Protein backbone atom coordinates (compact mmCIF):
# COMPACT_ATOMS: atom_id res chain seq x y z
CA UNK A 1 29.54 -38.47 20.34
CA UNK A 2 31.95 -38.29 23.29
CA UNK A 3 33.25 -34.95 22.04
CA UNK A 4 29.70 -33.54 21.90
CA UNK A 5 28.97 -34.77 25.44
CA UNK A 6 32.17 -33.13 26.62
CA UNK A 7 31.14 -29.86 24.95
CA UNK A 8 27.71 -29.91 26.62
CA UNK A 9 29.33 -30.48 30.02
CA UNK A 10 31.86 -27.75 29.33
CA UNK A 11 29.10 -25.23 28.42
CA UNK A 12 27.14 -26.12 31.58
CA UNK A 13 30.32 -25.59 33.59
CA UNK A 14 31.35 -22.39 31.82
CA UNK A 15 28.00 -20.69 32.41
CA UNK A 16 27.44 -22.30 35.84
CA UNK A 17 23.94 -23.50 34.95
CA UNK A 18 23.94 -25.51 38.18
CA UNK A 19 23.22 -22.24 40.02
CA UNK A 20 19.82 -22.06 38.27
CA UNK A 21 18.58 -25.22 40.02
CA UNK A 22 16.29 -24.74 43.04
CA UNK A 23 18.62 -26.48 45.50
CA UNK A 24 16.12 -26.36 48.35
CA UNK A 25 13.69 -28.53 46.33
CA UNK A 26 16.21 -31.23 45.39
CA UNK A 27 16.56 -34.51 47.33
CA UNK A 28 19.32 -34.30 49.94
CA UNK A 29 21.71 -36.67 48.08
CA UNK A 30 21.64 -34.35 45.05
CA UNK A 31 22.08 -31.29 47.27
CA UNK A 32 25.11 -32.93 48.83
CA UNK A 33 26.49 -33.87 45.39
CA UNK A 34 26.21 -30.28 44.13
CA UNK A 35 27.64 -28.90 47.37
CA UNK A 36 30.78 -31.03 46.93
CA UNK A 37 30.93 -30.62 43.13
CA UNK A 38 34.10 -29.11 41.60
CA UNK A 39 31.75 -26.88 39.58
CA UNK A 40 31.69 -24.57 42.60
CA UNK A 41 35.34 -23.69 41.90
CA UNK A 42 34.39 -22.10 38.54
CA UNK A 43 33.57 -18.36 38.89
CA UNK A 44 30.04 -17.31 37.93
CA UNK A 45 31.20 -14.16 36.12
CA UNK A 46 29.47 -10.86 35.45
CA UNK A 47 26.50 -12.13 33.42
CA UNK A 48 23.08 -12.37 35.01
CA UNK A 49 21.42 -15.78 35.38
CA UNK A 50 19.15 -15.11 32.40
CA UNK A 51 22.09 -14.11 30.20
CA UNK A 52 24.05 -17.20 31.23
CA UNK A 53 21.13 -19.47 30.34
CA UNK A 54 20.59 -17.74 26.99
CA UNK A 55 24.28 -17.81 26.07
CA UNK A 56 24.55 -21.48 27.02
CA UNK A 57 21.56 -22.43 24.85
CA UNK A 58 22.95 -20.40 21.93
CA UNK A 59 26.32 -22.15 22.29
CA UNK A 60 24.76 -25.61 22.26
CA UNK A 61 22.88 -25.18 18.97
CA UNK A 62 19.39 -25.27 17.43
CA UNK A 63 17.79 -28.04 19.49
CA UNK A 64 18.65 -26.24 22.72
CA UNK A 65 17.63 -22.87 21.27
CA UNK A 66 14.21 -24.38 20.39
CA UNK A 67 13.84 -25.45 24.00
CA UNK A 68 14.66 -21.91 25.12
CA UNK A 69 12.09 -20.49 22.69
CA UNK A 70 9.40 -22.70 24.22
CA UNK A 71 10.38 -21.60 27.73
CA UNK A 72 10.30 -17.93 26.72
CA UNK A 73 6.55 -18.07 26.03
CA UNK A 74 5.75 -19.17 29.61
CA UNK A 75 6.39 -15.95 31.50
CA UNK A 76 3.96 -17.19 34.14
CA UNK A 77 6.41 -20.02 34.96
CA UNK A 78 9.70 -18.08 34.78
CA UNK A 79 11.26 -15.15 36.64
CA UNK A 80 10.90 -11.91 34.67
CA UNK A 81 14.64 -11.43 34.05
CA UNK A 82 15.06 -14.99 32.69
CA UNK A 83 11.99 -14.69 30.44
CA UNK A 84 13.27 -11.38 29.01
CA UNK A 85 16.62 -12.93 28.09
CA UNK A 86 15.11 -16.07 26.57
CA UNK A 87 12.83 -13.89 24.45
CA UNK A 88 15.95 -12.84 22.53
CA UNK A 89 16.30 -16.44 21.26
CA UNK A 90 13.20 -15.94 19.12
CA UNK A 91 14.90 -13.76 16.52
CA UNK A 92 18.21 -12.48 17.92
CA UNK A 93 20.49 -15.51 17.70
CA UNK A 94 24.00 -14.45 16.51
CA UNK A 95 23.93 -14.41 12.66
CA UNK A 96 26.34 -16.01 10.23
CA UNK A 97 28.26 -13.67 7.85
CA UNK A 98 26.43 -11.96 4.97
CA UNK A 99 29.09 -13.18 2.52
CA UNK A 100 28.15 -16.79 3.33
CA UNK A 101 24.48 -15.94 2.87
CA UNK A 102 25.13 -14.42 -0.58
CA UNK A 103 27.20 -17.42 -1.69
CA UNK A 104 24.55 -19.89 -0.51
CA UNK A 105 21.73 -18.02 -2.31
CA UNK A 106 23.72 -17.97 -5.57
CA UNK A 107 24.53 -21.68 -5.20
CA UNK A 108 20.89 -22.64 -4.60
CA UNK A 109 19.36 -20.39 -7.29
CA UNK A 110 22.22 -21.06 -9.76
CA UNK A 111 22.16 -17.36 -10.59
CA UNK A 112 24.33 -14.36 -9.80
CA UNK A 113 22.70 -12.39 -7.00
CA UNK A 114 22.21 -9.27 -9.14
CA UNK A 115 20.17 -11.30 -11.65
CA UNK A 116 18.04 -12.92 -8.95
CA UNK A 117 17.26 -9.68 -7.07
CA UNK A 118 17.35 -5.97 -7.80
CA UNK A 119 18.69 -5.48 -4.26
CA UNK A 120 19.87 -7.84 -1.49
CA UNK A 121 20.58 -6.56 2.02
CA UNK A 122 23.77 -8.19 3.39
CA UNK A 123 22.83 -7.54 7.04
CA UNK A 124 20.11 -9.92 8.26
CA UNK A 125 16.73 -8.66 9.45
CA UNK A 126 16.50 -11.47 11.98
CA UNK A 127 18.50 -14.54 12.92
CA UNK A 128 17.09 -17.68 14.52
CA UNK A 129 18.39 -21.09 15.48
CA UNK A 130 18.13 -22.79 12.08
CA UNK A 131 17.98 -19.95 9.55
CA UNK A 132 18.29 -16.21 9.13
CA UNK A 133 16.32 -13.71 7.06
CA UNK A 134 17.57 -10.96 4.72
CA UNK A 135 15.57 -8.17 3.13
CA UNK A 136 15.56 -7.98 -0.68
CA UNK A 137 13.71 -6.42 -3.59
CA UNK A 138 12.58 -8.22 -6.72
CA UNK A 139 13.19 -6.78 -10.18
CA UNK A 140 9.43 -6.17 -10.31
CA UNK A 141 9.83 -3.78 -7.37
CA UNK A 142 8.15 -6.03 -4.78
CA UNK A 143 9.70 -6.07 -1.32
CA UNK A 144 10.52 -9.61 -0.12
CA UNK A 145 12.48 -11.47 2.54
CA UNK A 146 14.96 -14.25 1.82
CA UNK A 147 15.21 -17.07 4.36
CA UNK A 148 18.50 -18.99 4.32
CA UNK A 149 19.37 -22.19 6.22
CA UNK A 150 22.50 -21.93 8.37
CA UNK A 151 25.54 -23.64 6.80
CA UNK A 152 26.58 -26.89 8.54
CA UNK A 153 23.55 -26.93 10.83
CA UNK A 154 22.42 -30.44 9.84
CA UNK A 155 25.58 -32.10 11.17
CA UNK A 156 25.22 -30.47 14.60
CA UNK A 157 21.52 -31.38 14.77
CA UNK A 158 22.22 -35.03 13.96
CA UNK A 159 24.80 -35.21 16.75
CA UNK A 160 22.31 -33.76 19.24
CA UNK A 161 19.54 -36.10 18.09
CA UNK A 162 21.87 -39.09 18.53
CA UNK A 163 22.45 -37.95 22.13
CA UNK A 164 18.72 -37.55 22.69
CA UNK A 165 18.12 -41.09 21.38
CA UNK A 166 20.78 -42.45 23.77
CA UNK A 167 19.18 -40.63 26.69
CA UNK A 168 15.68 -41.76 25.64
CA UNK A 169 16.84 -45.38 25.38
CA UNK A 170 18.17 -45.19 28.95
CA UNK A 171 14.88 -43.69 30.16
CA UNK A 172 12.91 -46.42 28.37
CA UNK A 173 14.59 -49.03 30.61
CA UNK A 174 13.23 -47.36 33.76
CA UNK A 175 9.70 -48.65 34.52
CA UNK A 176 8.58 -45.27 35.88
CA UNK A 177 9.70 -43.45 32.71
CA UNK A 178 8.66 -46.11 30.19
CA UNK A 179 5.06 -44.85 30.04
CA UNK A 180 6.40 -41.54 28.70
CA UNK A 181 7.46 -43.42 25.55
CA UNK A 182 10.65 -41.35 25.30
CA UNK A 183 12.01 -42.99 22.14
CA UNK A 184 8.75 -42.38 20.21
CA UNK A 185 8.61 -38.76 21.42
CA UNK A 186 12.21 -38.15 20.31
CA UNK A 187 11.46 -39.79 16.96
CA UNK A 188 8.49 -37.49 16.38
CA UNK A 189 10.54 -34.47 17.43
CA UNK A 190 13.34 -35.49 15.06
CA UNK A 191 10.98 -35.73 12.08
CA UNK A 192 9.47 -32.36 12.94
CA UNK A 193 12.81 -30.66 13.47
CA UNK A 194 14.45 -31.95 10.30
CA UNK A 195 11.42 -30.87 8.26
CA UNK A 196 12.55 -27.33 9.08
CA UNK A 197 15.74 -27.90 7.09
CA UNK A 198 13.73 -28.33 3.88
CA UNK A 199 12.34 -24.92 2.91
CA UNK A 200 10.27 -26.51 0.13
CA UNK A 201 8.18 -28.09 2.91
CA UNK A 202 7.91 -24.82 4.78
CA UNK A 203 6.83 -23.03 1.61
CA UNK A 204 4.16 -25.67 0.95
CA UNK A 205 2.93 -25.42 4.55
CA UNK A 206 2.77 -21.64 4.24
CA UNK A 207 0.72 -21.83 1.05
CA UNK A 208 -1.70 -24.30 2.68
CA UNK A 209 -2.15 -22.10 5.74
CA UNK A 210 -2.70 -19.07 3.52
CA UNK A 211 -5.48 -20.93 1.63
CA UNK A 212 -7.10 -21.99 4.90
CA UNK A 213 -7.35 -18.36 6.06
CA UNK A 214 -7.92 -16.70 2.70
CA UNK A 215 -9.51 -13.25 3.25
CA UNK A 216 -9.92 -14.06 6.96
CA UNK A 217 -10.03 -11.14 9.44
CA UNK A 218 -8.26 -13.38 11.98
CA UNK A 219 -4.97 -14.27 10.28
CA UNK A 220 -2.85 -13.09 7.35
CA UNK A 221 -0.13 -15.32 5.84
CA UNK A 222 2.41 -13.80 3.38
CA UNK A 223 2.71 -15.27 -0.12
CA UNK A 224 5.59 -17.47 -1.36
CA UNK A 225 7.65 -16.68 -4.48
CA UNK A 226 8.03 -20.22 -5.81
CA UNK A 227 10.35 -19.22 -8.67
CA UNK A 228 13.01 -18.21 -6.14
CA UNK A 229 12.43 -20.98 -3.57
CA UNK A 230 14.76 -23.93 -3.13
CA UNK A 231 15.54 -26.49 -0.43
CA UNK A 232 17.84 -24.11 1.50
CA UNK A 233 16.46 -20.76 0.29
CA UNK A 234 12.90 -19.42 0.44
CA UNK A 235 11.62 -16.07 -0.80
CA UNK A 236 8.46 -14.68 0.74
CA UNK A 237 6.36 -11.51 0.66
CA UNK A 238 7.66 -8.99 3.21
CA UNK A 239 5.29 -8.03 6.01
CA UNK A 240 5.24 -4.87 8.13
CA UNK A 241 3.65 -5.62 11.47
CA UNK A 242 4.24 -5.17 15.18
CA UNK A 243 5.90 -8.10 16.99
CA UNK A 244 3.23 -9.66 19.17
CA UNK A 245 5.52 -9.50 22.22
CA UNK A 246 5.87 -5.69 21.88
CA UNK A 247 2.87 -4.88 24.07
CA UNK A 248 4.00 -1.26 24.46
CA UNK A 249 3.76 -0.66 20.68
CA UNK A 250 0.43 -2.50 20.52
CA UNK A 251 -1.00 -0.33 23.29
CA UNK A 252 0.42 2.81 21.68
CA UNK A 253 -1.55 2.21 18.49
CA UNK A 254 -4.73 1.46 20.46
CA UNK A 255 -4.91 -2.29 19.80
CA UNK A 256 -7.80 -4.10 21.46
CA UNK A 257 -5.64 -6.53 23.46
CA UNK A 258 -8.59 -8.50 24.86
CA UNK A 259 -9.92 -9.17 21.37
CA UNK A 260 -6.41 -9.92 20.12
CA UNK A 261 -5.85 -12.54 22.86
CA UNK A 262 -9.24 -14.16 22.26
CA UNK A 263 -8.62 -14.26 18.50
CA UNK A 264 -5.36 -16.10 19.13
CA UNK A 265 -7.30 -18.84 20.92
CA UNK A 266 -9.91 -18.91 18.14
CA UNK A 267 -7.20 -19.22 15.47
CA UNK A 268 -5.66 -22.17 17.30
CA UNK A 269 -8.92 -24.09 17.65
CA UNK A 270 -9.89 -23.25 14.05
CA UNK A 271 -6.63 -24.72 12.79
CA UNK A 272 -6.89 -27.85 14.94
CA UNK A 273 -10.57 -28.71 14.50
CA UNK A 274 -11.79 -27.03 11.31
CA UNK A 275 -8.69 -27.42 9.15
CA UNK A 276 -6.77 -30.19 10.98
CA UNK A 277 -3.61 -28.30 10.04
CA UNK A 278 -2.04 -26.14 12.74
CA UNK A 279 1.03 -23.93 12.99
CA UNK A 280 3.02 -25.73 15.69
CA UNK A 281 5.80 -23.19 16.28
CA UNK A 282 3.79 -20.21 17.47
CA UNK A 283 6.36 -18.53 19.68
CA UNK A 284 6.28 -14.68 19.67
CA UNK A 285 9.16 -14.40 17.19
CA UNK A 286 6.92 -15.95 14.51
CA UNK A 287 3.80 -13.86 15.16
CA UNK A 288 3.09 -10.23 14.31
CA UNK A 289 0.04 -7.99 14.49
CA UNK A 290 -1.15 -5.97 11.51
CA UNK A 291 -0.94 -2.19 11.85
CA UNK A 292 -4.31 -1.90 10.12
CA UNK A 293 -7.55 -1.69 12.13
CA UNK A 294 -6.16 -1.85 15.70
CA UNK A 295 -9.69 -2.14 17.10
CA UNK A 296 -10.27 -5.20 14.89
CA UNK A 297 -6.76 -6.73 15.15
CA UNK A 298 -5.41 -9.31 12.72
CA UNK A 299 -2.50 -11.66 13.31
CA UNK A 300 0.31 -12.25 10.80
CA UNK A 301 2.01 -15.67 10.93
CA UNK A 302 5.41 -16.56 9.49
CA UNK A 303 7.79 -19.55 9.74
CA UNK A 304 5.50 -22.51 9.04
CA UNK A 305 8.33 -25.04 9.17
CA UNK A 306 6.59 -27.02 11.92
CA UNK A 307 2.94 -27.91 11.42
CA UNK A 308 0.80 -30.61 12.94
CA UNK A 309 -2.36 -32.57 12.24
CA UNK A 310 -4.43 -35.22 14.03
CA UNK A 311 -6.38 -38.26 13.00
CA UNK A 312 -10.15 -37.93 12.95
CA UNK A 313 -10.31 -40.16 16.05
CA UNK A 314 -7.81 -38.02 17.97
CA UNK A 315 -9.73 -34.88 17.00
CA UNK A 316 -12.96 -36.33 18.38
CA UNK A 317 -11.39 -37.64 21.58
CA UNK A 318 -9.56 -34.37 22.19
CA UNK A 319 -12.66 -32.22 21.69
CA UNK A 320 -14.79 -34.47 23.87
CA UNK A 321 -12.10 -34.52 26.59
CA UNK A 322 -11.85 -30.73 26.64
CA UNK A 323 -15.63 -30.33 26.77
CA UNK A 324 -15.83 -32.85 29.60
CA UNK A 325 -13.24 -30.81 31.50
CA UNK A 326 -15.20 -27.61 30.87
CA UNK A 327 -18.26 -29.31 32.39
CA UNK A 328 -16.14 -30.95 35.14
CA UNK A 329 -17.46 -34.37 34.04
CA UNK A 330 -14.53 -36.43 35.27
CA UNK A 331 -16.16 -39.80 34.65
CA UNK A 332 -16.52 -38.88 30.96
CA UNK A 333 -12.83 -37.88 30.89
CA UNK A 334 -11.86 -41.24 32.40
CA UNK A 335 -14.13 -43.20 30.04
CA UNK A 336 -12.70 -41.36 27.00
CA UNK A 337 -9.12 -42.10 28.08
CA UNK A 338 -9.97 -45.80 28.38
CA UNK A 339 -11.95 -45.87 25.13
CA UNK A 340 -9.13 -44.20 23.20
CA UNK A 341 -6.53 -46.60 24.58
CA UNK A 342 -4.57 -43.85 26.36
CA UNK A 343 -4.84 -45.90 29.56
CA UNK A 344 -5.21 -49.67 29.94
CA UNK A 345 -8.65 -51.08 29.13
CA UNK A 346 -8.74 -52.91 32.48
CA UNK A 347 -8.60 -49.56 34.32
CA UNK A 348 -11.72 -48.97 36.41
CA UNK A 349 -13.32 -45.78 35.13
CA UNK A 350 -14.77 -44.77 38.50
CA UNK A 351 -11.35 -45.01 40.21
CA UNK A 352 -9.66 -43.05 37.42
CA UNK A 353 -12.41 -40.40 37.56
CA UNK A 354 -12.03 -40.07 41.34
CA UNK A 355 -8.27 -39.56 40.95
CA UNK A 356 -8.75 -36.89 38.26
CA UNK A 357 -11.37 -35.15 40.43
CA UNK A 358 -9.02 -35.08 43.42
CA UNK A 359 -6.26 -33.40 41.39
CA UNK A 360 -8.32 -31.04 39.21
CA UNK A 361 -11.17 -29.94 41.45
CA UNK A 362 -9.02 -27.58 43.57
CA UNK A 363 -7.70 -26.00 40.35
CA UNK A 364 -11.06 -25.68 38.62
CA UNK A 365 -12.69 -24.16 41.71
CA UNK A 366 -10.67 -20.98 41.08
CA UNK A 367 -12.08 -18.18 38.91
CA UNK A 368 -11.76 -19.27 35.29
CA UNK A 369 -9.42 -16.40 34.43
CA UNK A 370 -6.96 -17.66 37.08
CA UNK A 371 -6.85 -21.22 35.76
CA UNK A 372 -3.74 -22.14 33.79
CA UNK A 373 -4.07 -24.94 31.27
CA UNK A 374 -0.48 -25.77 32.18
CA UNK A 375 -1.59 -26.42 35.77
CA UNK A 376 -4.34 -28.74 34.55
CA UNK A 377 -1.88 -30.63 32.33
CA UNK A 378 0.53 -31.00 35.23
CA UNK A 379 -2.26 -32.35 37.42
CA UNK A 380 -3.24 -34.85 34.73
CA UNK A 381 0.34 -36.05 34.32
CA UNK A 382 0.58 -36.64 38.07
CA UNK A 383 -2.64 -38.67 37.96
CA UNK A 384 -1.45 -40.53 34.87
CA UNK A 385 1.56 -41.91 36.76
CA UNK A 386 -0.73 -43.88 39.06
CA UNK A 387 -2.70 -45.40 36.16
CA UNK A 388 0.30 -46.00 33.84
CA UNK A 389 -1.06 -43.63 31.22
CA UNK A 390 1.27 -43.51 28.20
CA UNK A 391 2.30 -40.27 26.52
CA UNK A 392 0.71 -39.94 23.08
CA UNK A 393 3.52 -38.77 20.75
CA UNK A 394 1.00 -37.51 18.15
CA UNK A 395 -0.35 -35.08 20.78
CA UNK A 396 2.99 -33.69 21.98
CA UNK A 397 3.09 -30.98 19.27
CA UNK A 398 -0.49 -30.02 20.06
CA UNK A 399 0.20 -29.73 23.80
CA UNK A 400 3.29 -27.62 23.12
CA UNK A 401 1.33 -25.31 20.80
CA UNK A 402 -1.54 -24.92 23.25
CA UNK A 403 0.91 -23.99 26.01
CA UNK A 404 2.47 -21.43 23.64
CA UNK A 405 -0.94 -19.96 22.88
CA UNK A 406 -1.92 -19.74 26.53
CA UNK A 407 1.39 -18.11 27.49
CA UNK A 408 1.08 -15.59 24.64
CA UNK A 409 -2.57 -14.84 25.42
CA UNK A 410 -1.89 -14.18 29.09
CA UNK A 411 1.02 -11.93 28.14
CA UNK A 412 -1.27 -9.83 25.94
CA UNK A 413 -4.27 -9.90 28.27
CA UNK A 414 -3.61 -11.30 31.76
CA UNK A 415 -7.35 -11.82 32.42
CA UNK A 416 -7.71 -14.06 29.35
CA UNK A 417 -10.27 -16.79 30.05
CA UNK A 418 -9.01 -19.59 27.83
CA UNK A 419 -11.80 -21.92 28.95
CA UNK A 420 -14.71 -19.59 28.26
CA UNK A 421 -13.19 -18.54 24.93
CA UNK A 422 -12.71 -22.11 23.74
CA UNK A 423 -15.88 -23.74 25.09
CA UNK A 424 -18.44 -22.19 22.66
CA UNK A 425 -16.18 -22.95 19.71
CA UNK A 426 -15.77 -26.60 20.69
CA UNK A 427 -19.50 -27.04 21.38
CA UNK A 428 -20.32 -25.57 17.97
CA UNK A 429 -17.72 -27.76 16.26
CA UNK A 430 -19.02 -30.93 17.93
CA UNK A 431 -22.59 -30.03 16.98
CA UNK A 432 -21.58 -29.45 13.36
CA UNK A 433 -19.53 -32.65 13.30
CA UNK A 434 -22.21 -34.89 14.81
CA UNK A 435 -25.33 -33.15 13.49
CA UNK A 436 -27.17 -33.24 10.17
CA UNK A 437 -24.83 -30.63 8.71
CA UNK A 438 -21.78 -32.74 9.49
CA UNK A 439 -23.43 -35.82 7.98
CA UNK A 440 -24.30 -33.89 4.82
CA UNK A 441 -20.75 -32.52 4.49
CA UNK A 442 -19.34 -36.03 4.94
CA UNK A 443 -21.67 -37.34 2.22
CA UNK A 444 -20.62 -34.52 -0.12
CA UNK A 445 -16.94 -35.31 0.44
CA UNK A 446 -17.50 -38.98 -0.27
CA UNK A 447 -19.94 -38.46 -3.16
CA UNK A 448 -17.35 -38.80 -5.99
CA UNK A 449 -16.07 -42.08 -4.57
CA UNK A 450 -19.59 -43.34 -3.90
CA UNK A 451 -20.73 -42.44 -7.43
CA UNK A 452 -17.73 -44.32 -8.83
CA UNK A 453 -18.51 -47.42 -6.78
CA UNK A 454 -22.32 -47.33 -7.20
CA UNK A 455 -22.45 -49.15 -10.61
CA UNK A 456 -20.23 -51.86 -9.17
CA UNK A 457 -22.43 -52.47 -6.10
CA UNK A 458 -24.46 -55.40 -7.64
CA UNK A 459 -21.27 -57.17 -8.68
CA UNK A 460 -19.64 -56.45 -5.31
CA UNK A 461 -22.76 -57.68 -3.48
CA UNK A 462 -22.81 -60.91 -5.56
CA UNK A 463 -19.10 -61.43 -4.89
CA UNK A 464 -19.64 -60.83 -1.16
CA UNK A 465 -22.54 -63.32 -1.01
CA UNK A 466 -20.53 -65.89 -2.99
CA UNK A 467 -17.62 -65.41 -0.62
CA UNK A 468 -19.90 -65.83 2.41
CA UNK A 469 -21.37 -69.05 0.96
CA UNK A 470 -17.89 -70.33 0.12
CA UNK A 471 -16.71 -69.63 3.66
CA UNK A 472 -19.85 -71.32 5.08
CA UNK A 473 -19.14 -74.47 3.05
CA UNK A 474 -15.51 -74.41 4.11
CA UNK A 475 -16.52 -74.16 7.77
CA UNK A 476 -18.98 -77.06 7.26
CA UNK A 477 -16.28 -79.23 5.64
CA UNK A 478 -13.83 -78.31 8.40
CA UNK A 479 -16.40 -79.20 11.09
CA UNK A 480 -17.05 -82.59 9.43
CA UNK A 481 -13.33 -83.24 9.16
CA UNK A 482 -12.80 -82.37 12.84
CA UNK A 483 -15.69 -84.70 13.81
CA UNK A 484 -14.27 -87.50 11.64
CA UNK A 485 -10.79 -87.09 13.08
CA UNK A 486 -12.23 -87.11 16.62
CA UNK A 487 -14.13 -90.34 15.90
CA UNK A 488 -11.00 -91.93 14.42
CA UNK A 489 -8.96 -90.95 17.48
CA UNK A 490 -11.61 -92.36 19.81
CA UNK A 491 -11.70 -95.61 17.82
CA UNK A 492 -7.90 -95.75 17.95
CA UNK A 493 -7.92 -95.37 21.74
CA UNK A 494 -10.44 -98.25 22.06
CA UNK A 495 -8.36 -100.48 19.77
CA UNK A 496 -5.24 -99.83 21.84
CA UNK A 497 -7.08 -100.71 25.06
CA UNK A 498 -8.30 -104.04 23.54
CA UNK A 499 -4.80 -104.80 22.31
CA UNK A 500 -3.26 -104.22 25.77
CA UNK A 501 -5.94 -106.37 27.43
CA UNK A 502 -5.42 -109.18 24.92
CA UNK A 503 -1.66 -109.18 25.39
CA UNK A 504 -2.02 -109.27 29.16
CA UNK A 505 -4.46 -112.22 28.98
CA UNK A 506 -2.09 -114.17 26.68
CA UNK A 507 0.81 -113.44 29.02
CA UNK A 508 -1.29 -114.53 32.00
CA UNK A 509 -2.33 -117.79 30.27
CA UNK A 510 1.28 -118.67 29.37
CA UNK A 511 2.49 -117.92 32.89
CA UNK A 512 -0.48 -119.49 34.72
CA UNK A 513 1.22 -122.73 35.88
CA UNK A 514 4.31 -121.01 37.38
CA UNK A 515 2.09 -118.35 38.88
CA UNK A 516 -0.17 -120.89 40.65
CA UNK A 517 2.85 -122.60 42.16
CA UNK A 518 4.27 -119.21 43.26
CA UNK A 519 0.88 -118.07 44.64
CA UNK A 520 0.56 -121.24 46.78
CA UNK A 521 3.75 -120.28 48.64
CA UNK A 522 2.83 -116.52 49.22
CA UNK A 523 1.04 -114.98 52.20
CA UNK A 524 -2.44 -113.56 51.73
CA UNK A 525 -1.29 -109.89 51.92
CA UNK A 526 1.11 -110.30 48.99
CA UNK A 527 -1.57 -111.97 46.89
CA UNK A 528 -4.03 -109.14 47.66
CA UNK A 529 -1.50 -106.49 46.63
CA UNK A 530 -0.76 -108.31 43.40
CA UNK A 531 -4.45 -108.58 42.47
CA UNK A 532 -4.99 -104.85 43.16
CA UNK A 533 -1.98 -103.94 41.01
CA UNK A 534 -3.23 -106.06 38.07
CA UNK A 535 -6.67 -104.47 38.42
CA UNK A 536 -5.24 -100.98 38.31
CA UNK A 537 -3.16 -101.85 35.26
CA UNK A 538 -6.20 -103.19 33.43
CA UNK A 539 -8.23 -100.12 34.39
CA UNK A 540 -5.53 -97.82 32.98
């Protein structure tokens, strides 16, 4: 652990990542600390700031590369030179040797490479943070790609996750950061990230996504060759498309970029609300555009290692929240947050709504095409601090994916109106979900279970009634027992009072003669005090 921390600090120092911080925006104590830091003695070198950031993330491993991939999709938040360098993290991470790839494939398939494939290309087509891809040809003549997990990657990832847990545990002790639920967020991220190391899961996710968009004009998903797929090796149909980030090539073939951007938004909402199964790693390195029908463009999706889904309740709350934002109904947004438990139930809805309105109204008064969903999220997070809103770990993947989609869409078509594109889809989905059609579909889904339980309904009803009667009798017996115990306690208290009174009278009778002699010698005030004391004792 200490060695890994030292390495992280050494990489930060080597590439002088401190120079990327906006010093003028930092509090003065931090500015002073950096001004006096020995880091300033290390030369910056010849690399540009974007290159230094990319090289540092590559040196630190897959978790940091993933972070760089997410940043690369938000060109609206980054300087152009930094975004261009980070884009290389999507599929141009330094590869591991082809000889290691061949040995690993043979080990996993338990076959010599020449028996598994008619041809295997030793040089990788692409190399990413966790795996790299080689071109190959099956003995049947079909062109495929072979995805291979990097050797030794799991050990490095576990070290980094241990560091993230330590950091999250420290954050969880700070009241201001506790609402972010850092440990739960890291736990969700860990499960998601380590799923990528099992290519069986990725293959299953790919097959599911392909079924969901079977013969769809929106999205094509390449087929899996299950006979040649193992935990660390996956073989998939090879695709020939244009990388979605290559806008020059897309324009050259006459692609309708406006339609392409809008279809990206439609695909996202279709996956989240219709299928409840969404590709959650939609950075440009995983998305291509078909060369067929450029005026009616179709996406191609690969690398389904990270997918997400929501509960039915989260789906409903999310859709209703988004629609309320579209209609600028801030009270509805506040009420939904309270109803869903995202903020405390004792929060006053009108105060929460007023706070949301204050933050979001200036943003939403802009032309819709100029509104960034990222800006709205940032405004909401600022408001959430005041009302102790907790981060919902199950929504983190969704938020990340939506930010990816928005960044990609604006890169393809800067005038993309995410709000207007999404609003009709959400309204239609809510109508289908809550209307007669949704009720009918729900009944059809539950029909087999209902038909199985229908013959048992009389027996179940009799059992339920018997149980209700049994519980009623039990409550009656319990009430009688409580009443009887109360009466016995009351009687006991009366008996104890009579006993005390009797004992005091006996004691008084036995002591009467000495007392009368004593009383004759006492002043009137002492006698009065004694009588009052005896009276109080008897009353008690």
